[in-house]
Protein backbone atom coordinates (compact mmCIF):
# COMPACT_ATOMS: atom_id res chain seq x y z
CA MET A 1 -63.55 -83.91 -45.48
CA ARG A 2 -62.97 -83.59 -49.19
CA PRO A 3 -65.56 -85.08 -51.54
CA SER A 4 -64.61 -87.79 -54.01
CA HIS A 5 -64.32 -87.19 -57.73
CA LEU A 6 -67.59 -88.98 -58.35
CA GLU A 7 -69.42 -86.66 -55.94
CA LEU A 8 -68.01 -83.63 -57.76
CA LEU A 9 -69.11 -84.83 -61.20
CA PRO A 10 -72.64 -83.31 -61.12
CA GLU A 11 -71.25 -79.94 -60.07
CA LEU A 12 -68.61 -80.09 -62.81
CA LEU A 13 -71.25 -80.90 -65.41
CA GLU A 14 -73.37 -78.01 -64.16
CA LEU A 15 -70.39 -75.65 -64.49
CA LEU A 16 -69.68 -76.99 -67.96
CA VAL A 17 -73.26 -76.45 -69.12
CA PHE A 18 -73.50 -72.89 -67.80
CA GLY A 19 -70.01 -71.95 -68.99
CA LEU A 20 -70.53 -73.38 -72.45
CA GLY A 21 -73.99 -71.81 -72.64
CA SER A 22 -72.64 -68.36 -71.89
CA VAL A 23 -69.86 -68.76 -74.46
CA LEU A 24 -72.35 -69.89 -77.11
CA LEU A 25 -74.70 -67.00 -76.31
CA SER A 26 -71.79 -64.55 -76.61
CA ALA A 27 -70.74 -66.06 -79.95
CA ALA A 28 -74.34 -65.84 -81.16
CA GLY A 29 -74.42 -62.20 -80.06
CA VAL A 30 -71.30 -61.43 -82.08
CA TYR A 31 -72.72 -63.15 -85.17
CA ILE A 32 -76.09 -61.38 -84.80
CA GLU A 33 -74.45 -57.98 -84.33
CA ARG A 34 -72.34 -58.53 -87.45
CA PHE A 35 -75.47 -59.47 -89.37
CA ALA A 36 -77.18 -56.32 -88.05
CA LEU A 37 -74.29 -54.15 -89.22
CA LEU A 38 -74.37 -55.72 -92.68
CA THR A 39 -78.14 -55.23 -92.83
CA VAL A 40 -77.82 -51.53 -91.98
CA GLU A 41 -75.02 -51.14 -94.52
CA GLY A 42 -77.34 -52.76 -97.08
CA GLY A 43 -79.87 -49.97 -96.53
CA GLN A 44 -82.43 -51.69 -94.31
CA LEU A 45 -82.19 -49.52 -91.19
CA ALA A 46 -85.32 -50.73 -89.38
CA LEU A 47 -84.50 -54.40 -89.83
CA GLY A 48 -80.87 -53.79 -88.85
CA ALA A 49 -81.94 -52.00 -85.67
CA TRP A 50 -84.27 -54.85 -84.74
CA VAL A 51 -81.56 -57.45 -85.37
CA ALA A 52 -79.09 -55.37 -83.33
CA LEU A 53 -81.55 -55.40 -80.44
CA MET A 54 -81.68 -59.21 -80.67
CA GLY A 55 -77.86 -59.30 -80.55
CA VAL A 56 -77.86 -57.12 -77.45
CA MET A 57 -80.37 -59.48 -75.86
CA ALA A 58 -78.07 -62.44 -76.59
CA PHE A 59 -75.21 -60.60 -74.87
CA TYR A 60 -77.48 -59.75 -71.94
CA PHE A 61 -78.55 -63.37 -71.47
CA ALA A 62 -74.90 -64.47 -71.65
CA TYR A 63 -74.05 -61.91 -68.96
CA LEU A 64 -76.93 -63.09 -66.78
CA THR A 65 -75.89 -66.70 -67.20
CA VAL A 66 -72.37 -65.91 -66.02
CA THR A 67 -73.30 -63.64 -63.13
CA GLU A 68 -76.39 -65.43 -61.84
CA LYS A 69 -75.66 -69.10 -62.59
CA PHE A 70 -71.99 -69.78 -63.33
CA ARG A 71 -70.14 -67.56 -60.87
CA PRO A 72 -72.00 -68.57 -57.66
CA ARG A 73 -71.73 -72.26 -58.56
CA PHE A 74 -68.04 -71.86 -59.41
CA VAL A 75 -67.33 -70.17 -56.07
CA ARG A 76 -69.25 -72.90 -54.24
CA PHE A 77 -67.36 -75.58 -56.19
CA VAL A 78 -63.97 -74.04 -55.36
CA ARG A 79 -64.88 -73.83 -51.68
CA THR A 80 -66.01 -77.47 -51.76
CA VAL A 81 -62.79 -78.63 -53.36
CA THR A 82 -60.39 -76.55 -51.28
CA GLY A 83 -62.25 -76.99 -48.01
CA PRO A 84 -63.16 -74.42 -45.37
């Protein structure tokens, strides 16, 4: 039996939150890495390295969000919609 659209709404919202969160974390990582590069080019190597590490952490959290939260829920959602 296929669920109604109203029953799927919470799962869709969950997918939206995790998908949008991973995109925002990736965009933040790109911005932070650019800032790190500009800081190093400006002659502040230690600060640039620290900022680059923060950018890598943003990318890592985006990756974890996709692999640990979004993908399993997306697979479960597709199986729910398409049926067994």
